[in-house]
Amino acid sequence: MSAMIAMCVVLVFPHTAAHAISWQDGNGVSCKVSCASKGGAIDSGIYKGDPDKPLYVCAANAGGKGKRPGYNLAAAAGANKCVVGYDFREVAVGTFDCLCKN
């Protein structure tokens, strides 16, 4: 059973083992810029089907309730914000971390 679970993890996340990832301070810039020296930012898809607008993975502390995952996108709240779900709405937060490749 554990071998089957391990195989499923490898099939679902084939690139995870090959690439290390880490959180990097956004430093008030886009995740693309913040992660450039680390090997690039991790994205979770694209905005409205436009390959030039990746949704970069970020994390921010909205409302002082702890960090939660979100997205960093120049087309939304600005490239220097992480948009996270908080209090049943999306909130753009200026202090955030970016998920980067190593």
PDB file of N, CA and C in Angstrom:
ATOM      1  N   MET A   1       0.823  -1.198   0.000  1.00  0.00           N
ATOM      2  CA  MET A   1       0.000   0.000   0.000  1.00  0.00           C
ATOM      3  C   MET A   1       0.869   1.265   0.000  1.00  0.00           C
ATOM      4  N   SER A   2       1.921   1.281   0.846  1.00  0.00           N
ATOM      5  CA  SER A   2       2.777   2.468   0.895  1.00  0.00           C
ATOM      6  C   SER A   2       3.540   2.660  -0.410  1.00  0.00           C
ATOM      7  N   ALA A   3       3.881   1.556  -1.084  1.00  0.00           N
ATOM      8  CA  ALA A   3       4.551   1.669  -2.383  1.00  0.00           C
ATOM      9  C   ALA A   3       3.616   2.289  -3.409  1.00  0.00           C
ATOM     10  N   MET A   4       2.340   1.945  -3.332  1.00  0.00           N
ATOM     11  CA  MET A   4       1.353   2.499  -4.264  1.00  0.00           C
ATOM     12  C   MET A   4       1.174   3.999  -4.021  1.00  0.00           C
ATOM     13  N   ILE A   5       1.140   4.403  -2.757  1.00  0.00           N
ATOM     14  CA  ILE A   5       1.018   5.827  -2.431  1.00  0.00           C
ATOM     15  C   ILE A   5       2.243   6.584  -2.931  1.00  0.00           C
ATOM     16  N   ALA A   6       3.420   6.027  -2.710  1.00  0.00           N
ATOM     17  CA  ALA A   6       4.650   6.673  -3.179  1.00  0.00           C
ATOM     18  C   ALA A   6       4.644   6.823  -4.689  1.00  0.00           C
ATOM     19  N   MET A   7       4.167   5.806  -5.407  1.00  0.00           N
ATOM     20  CA  MET A   7       4.105   5.874  -6.863  1.00  0.00           C
ATOM     21  C   MET A   7       3.128   6.964  -7.300  1.00  0.00           C
ATOM     22  N   CYS A   8       1.992   7.075  -6.611  1.00  0.00           N
ATOM     23  CA  CYS A   8       1.010   8.110  -6.953  1.00  0.00           C
ATOM     24  C   CYS A   8       1.588   9.504  -6.737  1.00  0.00           C
ATOM     25  N   VAL A   9       2.337   9.680  -5.655  1.00  0.00           N
ATOM     26  CA  VAL A   9       2.960  10.975  -5.387  1.00  0.00           C
ATOM     27  C   VAL A   9       3.936  11.327  -6.495  1.00  0.00           C
ATOM     28  N   VAL A  10       4.725  10.367  -6.939  1.00  0.00           N
ATOM     29  CA  VAL A  10       5.687  10.606  -8.016  1.00  0.00           C
ATOM     30  C   VAL A  10       4.966  10.945  -9.310  1.00  0.00           C
ATOM     31  N   LEU A  11       3.858  10.277  -9.587  1.00  0.00           N
ATOM     32  CA  LEU A  11       3.114  10.545 -10.816  1.00  0.00           C
ATOM     33  C   LEU A  11       2.422  11.900 -10.777  1.00  0.00           C
ATOM     34  N   VAL A  12       1.898  12.273  -9.623  1.00  0.00           N
ATOM     35  CA  VAL A  12       1.190  13.542  -9.497  1.00  0.00           C
ATOM     36  C   VAL A  12       2.163  14.713  -9.429  1.00  0.00           C
ATOM     37  N   PHE A  13       3.277  14.536  -8.751  1.00  0.00           N
ATOM     38  CA  PHE A  13       4.263  15.591  -8.575  1.00  0.00           C
ATOM     39  C   PHE A  13       5.612  15.170  -9.148  1.00  0.00           C
ATOM     40  N   PRO A  14       5.697  14.951 -10.450  1.00  0.00           N
ATOM     41  CA  PRO A  14       6.931  14.421 -11.020  1.00  0.00           C
ATOM     42  C   PRO A  14       8.117  15.376 -10.921  1.00  0.00           C
ATOM     43  N   HIS A  15       7.890  16.670 -10.857  1.00  0.00           N
ATOM     44  CA  HIS A  15       8.998  17.618 -10.841  1.00  0.00           C
ATOM     45  C   HIS A  15       9.444  18.001  -9.430  1.00  0.00           C
ATOM     46  N   THR A  16       8.684  17.626  -8.410  1.00  0.00           N
ATOM     47  CA  THR A  16       9.009  18.030  -7.048  1.00  0.00           C
ATOM     48  C   THR A  16      10.362  17.498  -6.598  1.00  0.00           C
ATOM     49  N   ALA A  17      10.625  16.234  -6.865  1.00  0.00           N
ATOM     50  CA  ALA A  17      11.874  15.629  -6.406  1.00  0.00           C
ATOM     51  C   ALA A  17      13.078  16.221  -7.134  1.00  0.00           C
ATOM     52  N   ALA A  18      12.903  16.637  -8.356  1.00  0.00           N
ATOM     53  CA  ALA A  18      14.019  17.134  -9.157  1.00  0.00           C
ATOM     54  C   ALA A  18      14.365  18.593  -8.856  1.00  0.00           C
ATOM     55  N   HIS A  19      13.419  19.353  -8.335  1.00  0.00           N
ATOM     56  CA  HIS A  19      13.647  20.778  -8.093  1.00  0.00           C
ATOM     57  C   HIS A  19      13.363  21.114  -6.636  1.00  0.00           C
ATOM     58  N   ALA A  20      14.333  21.686  -5.961  1.00  0.00           N
ATOM     59  CA  ALA A  20      14.115  22.169  -4.605  1.00  0.00           C
ATOM     60  C   ALA A  20      13.424  23.526  -4.689  1.00  0.00           C
ATOM     61  N   ILE A  21      12.602  23.817  -3.696  1.00  0.00           N
ATOM     62  CA  ILE A  21      11.902  25.098  -3.665  1.00  0.00           C
ATOM     63  C   ILE A  21      12.132  25.760  -2.309  1.00  0.00           C
ATOM     64  N   SER A  22      11.960  27.070  -2.264  1.00  0.00           N
ATOM     65  CA  SER A  22      12.102  27.799  -1.005  1.00  0.00           C
ATOM     66  C   SER A  22      11.292  29.093  -1.072  1.00  0.00           C
ATOM     67  N   TRP A  23      10.996  29.636   0.096  1.00  0.00           N
ATOM     68  CA  TRP A  23      10.293  30.915   0.185  1.00  0.00           C
ATOM     69  C   TRP A  23      11.311  32.042   0.225  1.00  0.00           C
ATOM     70  N   GLN A  24      11.026  33.095  -0.527  1.00  0.00           N
ATOM     71  CA  GLN A  24      11.910  34.262  -0.637  1.00  0.00           C
ATOM     72  C   GLN A  24      11.077  35.507  -0.324  1.00  0.00           C
ATOM     73  N   ASP A  25      11.626  36.432   0.434  1.00  0.00           N
ATOM     74  CA  ASP A  25      10.948  37.694   0.729  1.00  0.00           C
ATOM     75  C   ASP A  25      10.630  38.414  -0.578  1.00  0.00           C
ATOM     76  N   GLY A  26       9.386  38.850  -0.743  1.00  0.00           N
ATOM     77  CA  GLY A  26       8.980  39.554  -1.954  1.00  0.00           C
ATOM     78  C   GLY A  26       9.653  40.908  -2.120  1.00  0.00           C
ATOM     79  N   ASN A  27      10.110  41.509  -1.040  1.00  0.00           N
ATOM     80  CA  ASN A  27      10.833  42.790  -1.076  1.00  0.00           C
ATOM     81  C   ASN A  27      10.104  43.881  -1.853  1.00  0.00           C
ATOM     82  N   GLY A  28       8.775  43.853  -1.874  1.00  0.00           N
ATOM     83  CA  GLY A  28       8.015  44.901  -2.540  1.00  0.00           C
ATOM     84  C   GLY A  28       8.055  44.872  -4.054  1.00  0.00           C
ATOM     85  N   VAL A  29       8.501  43.752  -4.627  1.00  0.00           N
ATOM     86  CA  VAL A  29       8.533  43.604  -6.087  1.00  0.00           C
ATOM     87  C   VAL A  29       7.776  42.332  -6.465  1.00  0.00           C
ATOM     88  N   SER A  30       7.619  42.087  -7.737  1.00  0.00           N
ATOM     89  CA  SER A  30       6.914  40.885  -8.178  1.00  0.00           C
ATOM     90  C   SER A  30       7.712  39.635  -7.825  1.00  0.00           C
ATOM     91  N   CYS A  31       7.033  38.511  -7.731  1.00  0.00           N
ATOM     92  CA  CYS A  31       7.716  37.241  -7.473  1.00  0.00           C
ATOM     93  C   CYS A  31       8.680  36.915  -8.610  1.00  0.00           C
ATOM     94  N   LYS A  32       8.339  37.310  -9.823  1.00  0.00           N
ATOM     95  CA  LYS A  32       9.238  37.079 -10.956  1.00  0.00           C
ATOM     96  C   LYS A  32      10.594  37.733 -10.700  1.00  0.00           C
ATOM     97  N   VAL A  33      10.582  38.971 -10.222  1.00  0.00           N
ATOM     98  CA  VAL A  33      11.816  39.706  -9.938  1.00  0.00           C
ATOM     99  C   VAL A  33      12.490  39.154  -8.683  1.00  0.00           C
ATOM    100  N   SER A  34      11.705  38.925  -7.635  1.00  0.00           N
ATOM    101  CA  SER A  34      12.256  38.452  -6.369  1.00  0.00           C
ATOM    102  C   SER A  34      12.942  37.093  -6.503  1.00  0.00           C
ATOM    103  N   CYS A  35      12.413  36.221  -7.345  1.00  0.00           N
ATOM    104  CA  CYS A  35      12.944  34.859  -7.494  1.00  0.00           C
ATOM    105  C   CYS A  35      13.947  34.712  -8.637  1.00  0.00           C
ATOM    106  N   ALA A  36      14.223  35.773  -9.363  1.00  0.00           N
ATOM    107  CA  ALA A  36      15.098  35.684 -10.544  1.00  0.00           C
ATOM    108  C   ALA A  36      16.462  35.086 -10.211  1.00  0.00           C
ATOM    109  N   SER A  37      17.035  35.458  -9.090  1.00  0.00           N
ATOM    110  CA  SER A  37      18.365  34.951  -8.728  1.00  0.00           C
ATOM    111  C   SER A  37      18.323  33.550  -8.129  1.00  0.00           C
ATOM    112  N   LYS A  38      17.136  33.050  -7.813  1.00  0.00           N
ATOM    113  CA  LYS A  38      16.990  31.743  -7.186  1.00  0.00           C
ATOM    114  C   LYS A  38      16.655  30.642  -8.192  1.00  0.00           C
ATOM    115  N   GLY A  39      16.414  30.983  -9.442  1.00  0.00           N
ATOM    116  CA  GLY A  39      16.035  29.978 -10.433  1.00  0.00           C
ATOM    117  C   GLY A  39      14.645  30.179 -11.000  1.00  0.00           C
ATOM    118  N   GLY A  40      13.966  31.230 -10.553  1.00  0.00           N
ATOM    119  CA  GLY A  40      12.650  31.551 -11.090  1.00  0.00           C
ATOM    120  C   GLY A  40      11.537  31.329 -10.085  1.00  0.00           C
ATOM    121  N   ALA A  41      10.416  31.984 -10.328  1.00  0.00           N
ATOM    122  CA  ALA A  41       9.243  31.872  -9.459  1.00  0.00           C
ATOM    123  C   ALA A  41       8.392  30.675  -9.880  1.00  0.00           C
ATOM    124  N   ILE A  42       7.732  30.067  -8.908  1.00  0.00           N
ATOM    125  CA  ILE A  42       6.803  28.968  -9.163  1.00  0.00           C
ATOM    126  C   ILE A  42       5.446  29.581  -9.492  1.00  0.00           C
ATOM    127  N   ASP A  43       4.827  29.118 -10.574  1.00  0.00           N
ATOM    128  CA  ASP A  43       3.478  29.604 -10.892  1.00  0.00           C
ATOM    129  C   ASP A  43       2.478  28.465 -10.753  1.00  0.00           C
ATOM    130  N   SER A  44       1.211  28.833 -10.604  1.00  0.00           N
ATOM    131  CA  SER A  44       0.148  27.840 -10.451  1.00  0.00           C
ATOM    132  C   SER A  44      -0.825  27.867 -11.616  1.00  0.00           C
ATOM    133  N   GLY A  45      -0.482  28.576 -12.662  1.00  0.00           N
ATOM    134  CA  GLY A  45      -1.346  28.682 -13.833  1.00  0.00           C
ATOM    135  C   GLY A  45      -1.166  30.036 -14.489  1.00  0.00           C
ATOM    136  N   ILE A  46      -2.118  30.382 -15.352  1.00  0.00           N
ATOM    137  CA  ILE A  46      -2.056  31.670 -16.044  1.00  0.00           C
ATOM    138  C   ILE A  46      -3.382  32.406 -15.891  1.00  0.00           C
ATOM    139  N   TYR A  47      -3.330  33.715 -15.986  1.00  0.00           N
ATOM    140  CA  TYR A  47      -4.491  34.580 -15.808  1.00  0.00           C
ATOM    141  C   TYR A  47      -5.263  34.718 -17.114  1.00  0.00           C
ATOM    142  N   LYS A  48      -6.533  34.343 -17.087  1.00  0.00           N
ATOM    143  CA  LYS A  48      -7.443  34.479 -18.233  1.00  0.00           C
ATOM    144  C   LYS A  48      -6.868  33.939 -19.537  1.00  0.00           C
ATOM    145  N   GLY A  49      -6.139  32.823 -19.441  1.00  0.00           N
ATOM    146  CA  GLY A  49      -5.613  32.176 -20.640  1.00  0.00           C
ATOM    147  C   GLY A  49      -4.456  32.880 -21.310  1.00  0.00           C
ATOM    148  N   ASP A  50      -3.898  33.899 -20.670  1.00  0.00           N
ATOM    149  CA  ASP A  50      -2.789  34.657 -21.253  1.00  0.00           C
ATOM    150  C   ASP A  50      -1.455  34.121 -20.732  1.00  0.00           C
ATOM    151  N   PRO A  51      -0.666  33.449 -21.571  1.00  0.00           N
ATOM    152  CA  PRO A  51       0.599  32.877 -21.106  1.00  0.00           C
ATOM    153  C   PRO A  51       1.615  33.921 -20.637  1.00  0.00           C
ATOM    154  N   ASP A  52       1.392  35.179 -20.944  1.00  0.00           N
ATOM    155  CA  ASP A  52       2.287  36.243 -20.482  1.00  0.00           C
ATOM    156  C   ASP A  52       1.925  36.744 -19.080  1.00  0.00           C
ATOM    157  N   LYS A  53       0.883  36.149 -18.472  1.00  0.00           N
ATOM    158  CA  LYS A  53       0.440  36.575 -17.139  1.00  0.00           C
ATOM    159  C   LYS A  53       0.345  35.372 -16.198  1.00  0.00           C
ATOM    160  N   PRO A  54       1.506  34.855 -15.771  1.00  0.00           N
ATOM    161  CA  PRO A  54       1.475  33.718 -14.848  1.00  0.00           C
ATOM    162  C   PRO A  54       1.001  34.131 -13.453  1.00  0.00           C
ATOM    163  N   LEU A  55       0.335  33.199 -12.784  1.00  0.00           N
ATOM    164  CA  LEU A  55      -0.099  33.392 -11.405  1.00  0.00           C
ATOM    165  C   LEU A  55       0.993  32.815 -10.500  1.00  0.00           C
ATOM    166  N   TYR A  56       1.869  33.664  -9.989  1.00  0.00           N
ATOM    167  CA  TYR A  56       2.962  33.206  -9.140  1.00  0.00           C
ATOM    168  C   TYR A  56       2.448  32.899  -7.736  1.00  0.00           C
ATOM    169  N   VAL A  57       3.003  31.867  -7.117  1.00  0.00           N
ATOM    170  CA  VAL A  57       2.597  31.449  -5.780  1.00  0.00           C
ATOM    171  C   VAL A  57       3.284  32.338  -4.742  1.00  0.00           C
ATOM    172  N   CYS A  58       2.471  32.901  -3.855  1.00  0.00           N
ATOM    173  CA  CYS A  58       2.994  33.738  -2.779  1.00  0.00           C
ATOM    174  C   CYS A  58       2.252  33.394  -1.487  1.00  0.00           C
ATOM    175  N   ALA A  59       2.684  33.971  -0.385  1.00  0.00           N
ATOM    176  CA  ALA A  59       2.018  33.792   0.908  1.00  0.00           C
ATOM    177  C   ALA A  59       2.091  35.110   1.663  1.00  0.00           C
ATOM    178  N   ALA A  60       0.984  35.470   2.302  1.00  0.00           N
ATOM    179  CA  ALA A  60       0.931  36.735   3.039  1.00  0.00           C
ATOM    180  C   ALA A  60       0.072  36.580   4.286  1.00  0.00           C
ATOM    181  N   ASN A  61       0.291  37.463   5.245  1.00  0.00           N
ATOM    182  CA  ASN A  61      -0.430  37.459   6.509  1.00  0.00           C
ATOM    183  C   ASN A  61      -1.514  38.534   6.467  1.00  0.00           C
ATOM    184  N   ALA A  62      -2.687  38.163   6.020  1.00  0.00           N
ATOM    185  CA  ALA A  62      -3.806  39.109   5.938  1.00  0.00           C
ATOM    186  C   ALA A  62      -4.508  39.187   7.288  1.00  0.00           C
ATOM    187  N   GLY A  63      -4.694  40.380   7.787  1.00  0.00           N
ATOM    188  CA  GLY A  63      -5.426  40.581   9.029  1.00  0.00           C
ATOM    189  C   GLY A  63      -4.736  40.044  10.269  1.00  0.00           C
ATOM    190  N   GLY A  64      -3.437  39.753  10.174  1.00  0.00           N
ATOM    191  CA  GLY A  64      -2.709  39.249  11.336  1.00  0.00           C
ATOM    192  C   GLY A  64      -3.119  37.852  11.766  1.00  0.00           C
ATOM    193  N   LYS A  65      -3.692  37.083  10.873  1.00  0.00           N
ATOM    194  CA  LYS A  65      -4.187  35.742  11.200  1.00  0.00           C
ATOM    195  C   LYS A  65      -3.257  34.631  10.741  1.00  0.00           C
ATOM    196  N   GLY A  66      -2.046  34.965  10.338  1.00  0.00           N
ATOM    197  CA  GLY A  66      -1.093  33.960   9.879  1.00  0.00           C
ATOM    198  C   GLY A  66      -0.996  33.943   8.366  1.00  0.00           C
ATOM    199  N   LYS A  67       0.127  33.431   7.896  1.00  0.00           N
ATOM    200  CA  LYS A  67       0.345  33.397   6.443  1.00  0.00           C
ATOM    201  C   LYS A  67      -0.568  32.381   5.784  1.00  0.00           C
ATOM    202  N   ARG A  68      -1.050  32.761   4.615  1.00  0.00           N
ATOM    203  CA  ARG A  68      -1.888  31.881   3.805  1.00  0.00           C
ATOM    204  C   ARG A  68      -1.466  32.022   2.357  1.00  0.00           C
ATOM    205  N   PRO A  69      -1.667  30.977   1.549  1.00  0.00           N
ATOM    206  CA  PRO A  69      -1.239  31.031   0.146  1.00  0.00           C
ATOM    207  C   PRO A  69      -2.092  31.982  -0.675  1.00  0.00           C
ATOM    208  N   GLY A  70      -1.473  32.514  -1.718  1.00  0.00           N
ATOM    209  CA  GLY A  70      -2.173  33.415  -2.616  1.00  0.00           C
ATOM    210  C   GLY A  70      -1.483  33.470  -3.955  1.00  0.00           C
ATOM    211  N   TYR A  71      -1.788  34.524  -4.714  1.00  0.00           N
ATOM    212  CA  TYR A  71      -1.166  34.682  -6.026  1.00  0.00           C
ATOM    213  C   TYR A  71      -0.619  36.092  -6.193  1.00  0.00           C
ATOM    214  N   ASN A  72       0.432  36.174  -6.982  1.00  0.00           N
ATOM    215  CA  ASN A  72       1.084  37.439  -7.314  1.00  0.00           C
ATOM    216  C   ASN A  72       0.953  37.601  -8.816  1.00  0.00           C
ATOM    217  N   LEU A  73       0.342  38.699  -9.254  1.00  0.00           N
ATOM    218  CA  LEU A  73       0.021  38.891 -10.664  1.00  0.00           C
ATOM    219  C   LEU A  73      -0.003  40.373 -10.992  1.00  0.00           C
ATOM    220  N   ALA A  74       0.747  40.781 -11.985  1.00  0.00           N
ATOM    221  CA  ALA A  74       0.798  42.195 -12.365  1.00  0.00           C
ATOM    222  C   ALA A  74      -0.560  42.715 -12.825  1.00  0.00           C
ATOM    223  N   ALA A  75      -1.385  41.863 -13.411  1.00  0.00           N
ATOM    224  CA  ALA A  75      -2.665  42.308 -13.963  1.00  0.00           C
ATOM    225  C   ALA A  75      -3.744  42.507 -12.901  1.00  0.00           C
ATOM    226  N   ALA A  76      -3.547  42.002 -11.704  1.00  0.00           N
ATOM    227  CA  ALA A  76      -4.594  42.078 -10.682  1.00  0.00           C
ATOM    228  C   ALA A  76      -4.392  43.305  -9.795  1.00  0.00           C
ATOM    229  N   ALA A  77      -3.898  43.095  -8.596  1.00  0.00           N
ATOM    230  CA  ALA A  77      -3.749  44.183  -7.628  1.00  0.00           C
ATOM    231  C   ALA A  77      -2.421  44.899  -7.759  1.00  0.00           C
ATOM    232  N   GLY A  78      -1.611  44.479  -8.686  1.00  0.00           N
ATOM    233  CA  GLY A  78      -0.279  45.051  -8.855  1.00  0.00           C
ATOM    234  C   GLY A  78       0.776  43.997  -8.593  1.00  0.00           C
ATOM    235  N   ALA A  79       1.877  44.105  -9.289  1.00  0.00           N
ATOM    236  CA  ALA A  79       2.933  43.104  -9.193  1.00  0.00           C
ATOM    237  C   ALA A  79       3.591  43.092  -7.820  1.00  0.00           C
ATOM    238  N   ASN A  80       3.415  44.153  -7.042  1.00  0.00           N
ATOM    239  CA  ASN A  80       4.059  44.215  -5.734  1.00  0.00           C
ATOM    240  C   ASN A  80       3.113  43.817  -4.604  1.00  0.00           C
ATOM    241  N   LYS A  81       2.092  43.025  -4.906  1.00  0.00           N
ATOM    242  CA  LYS A  81       1.116  42.563  -3.915  1.00  0.00           C
ATOM    243  C   LYS A  81       0.919  41.058  -4.033  1.00  0.00           C
ATOM    244  N   CYS A  82       0.540  40.458  -2.920  1.00  0.00           N
ATOM    245  CA  CYS A  82       0.112  39.061  -2.899  1.00  0.00           C
ATOM    246  C   CYS A  82      -1.370  39.080  -2.556  1.00  0.00           C
ATOM    247  N   VAL A  83      -2.182  38.494  -3.389  1.00  0.00           N
ATOM    248  CA  VAL A  83      -3.626  38.472  -3.176  1.00  0.00           C
ATOM    249  C   VAL A  83      -3.992  37.150  -2.504  1.00  0.00           C
ATOM    250  N   VAL A  84      -4.591  37.245  -1.307  1.00  0.00           N
ATOM    251  CA  VAL A  84      -4.965  36.060  -0.536  1.00  0.00           C
ATOM    252  C   VAL A  84      -6.438  36.135  -0.149  1.00  0.00           C
ATOM    253  N   GLY A  85      -7.004  34.990   0.125  1.00  0.00           N
ATOM    254  CA  GLY A  85      -8.373  34.938   0.617  1.00  0.00           C
ATOM    255  C   GLY A  85      -8.402  35.260   2.103  1.00  0.00           C
ATOM    256  N   TYR A  86      -9.257  36.201   2.496  1.00  0.00           N
ATOM    257  CA  TYR A  86      -9.392  36.569   3.904  1.00  0.00           C
ATOM    258  C   TYR A  86     -10.783  37.153   4.130  1.00  0.00           C
ATOM    259  N   ASP A  87     -11.461  36.661   5.143  1.00  0.00           N
ATOM    260  CA  ASP A  87     -12.777  37.176   5.524  1.00  0.00           C
ATOM    261  C   ASP A  87     -13.757  37.157   4.345  1.00  0.00           C
ATOM    262  N   PHE A  88     -13.762  36.053   3.602  1.00  0.00           N
ATOM    263  CA  PHE A  88     -14.662  35.813   2.471  1.00  0.00           C
ATOM    264  C   PHE A  88     -14.456  36.759   1.283  1.00  0.00           C
ATOM    265  N   ARG A  89     -13.248  37.283   1.140  1.00  0.00           N
ATOM    266  CA  ARG A  89     -12.938  38.143  -0.004  1.00  0.00           C
ATOM    267  C   ARG A  89     -11.454  38.034  -0.323  1.00  0.00           C
ATOM    268  N   GLU A  90     -11.042  38.608  -1.431  1.00  0.00           N
ATOM    269  CA  GLU A  90      -9.627  38.658  -1.786  1.00  0.00           C
ATOM    270  C   GLU A  90      -9.028  39.957  -1.261  1.00  0.00           C
ATOM    271  N   VAL A  91      -7.852  39.844  -0.632  1.00  0.00           N
ATOM    272  CA  VAL A  91      -7.176  40.998  -0.050  1.00  0.00           C
ATOM    273  C   VAL A  91      -5.769  41.080  -0.636  1.00  0.00           C
ATOM    274  N   ALA A  92      -5.373  42.261  -1.109  1.00  0.00           N
ATOM    275  CA  ALA A  92      -4.022  42.475  -1.642  1.00  0.00           C
ATOM    276  C   ALA A  92      -3.117  42.939  -0.501  1.00  0.00           C
ATOM    277  N   VAL A  93      -2.045  42.181  -0.257  1.00  0.00           N
ATOM    278  CA  VAL A  93      -1.136  42.457   0.855  1.00  0.00           C
ATOM    279  C   VAL A  93       0.243  42.818   0.298  1.00  0.00           C
ATOM    280  N   GLY A  94       0.838  43.887   0.810  1.00  0.00           N
ATOM    281  CA  GLY A  94       2.118  44.373   0.290  1.00  0.00           C
ATOM    282  C   GLY A  94       3.348  43.666   0.835  1.00  0.00           C
ATOM    283  N   THR A  95       3.251  43.045   2.015  1.00  0.00           N
ATOM    284  CA  THR A  95       4.375  42.304   2.594  1.00  0.00           C
ATOM    285  C   THR A  95       4.097  40.822   2.405  1.00  0.00           C
ATOM    286  N   PHE A  96       4.945  40.154   1.625  1.00  0.00           N
ATOM    287  CA  PHE A  96       4.664  38.756   1.286  1.00  0.00           C
ATOM    288  C   PHE A  96       5.936  38.004   0.938  1.00  0.00           C
ATOM    289  N   ASP A  97       5.813  36.688   0.870  1.00  0.00           N
ATOM    290  CA  ASP A  97       6.894  35.807   0.435  1.00  0.00           C
ATOM    291  C   ASP A  97       6.508  35.176  -0.894  1.00  0.00           C
ATOM    292  N   CYS A  98       7.511  34.839  -1.690  1.00  0.00           N
ATOM    293  CA  CYS A  98       7.315  34.195  -2.990  1.00  0.00           C
ATOM    294  C   CYS A  98       7.893  32.787  -2.954  1.00  0.00           C
ATOM    295  N   LEU A  99       7.250  31.858  -3.637  1.00  0.00           N
ATOM    296  CA  LEU A  99       7.757  30.495  -3.748  1.00  0.00           C
ATOM    297  C   LEU A  99       8.672  30.430  -4.967  1.00  0.00           C
ATOM    298  N   CYS A 100       9.943  30.084  -4.712  1.00  0.00           N
ATOM    299  CA  CYS A 100      10.973  30.109  -5.758  1.00  0.00           C
ATOM    300  C   CYS A 100      11.589  28.732  -5.986  1.00  0.00           C
ATOM    301  N   LYS A 101      12.050  28.522  -7.210  1.00  0.00           N
ATOM    302  CA  LYS A 101      12.860  27.345  -7.526  1.00  0.00           C
ATOM    303  C   LYS A 101      14.266  27.613  -7.008  1.00  0.00           C
ATOM    304  N   ASN A 102      14.965  26.561  -6.648  1.00  0.00           N
ATOM    305  CA  ASN A 102      16.367  26.718  -6.216  1.00  0.00           C
ATOM    306  C   ASN A 102      17.301  26.170  -7.254  1.00  0.00           C
TER     307      ASN A 102
END
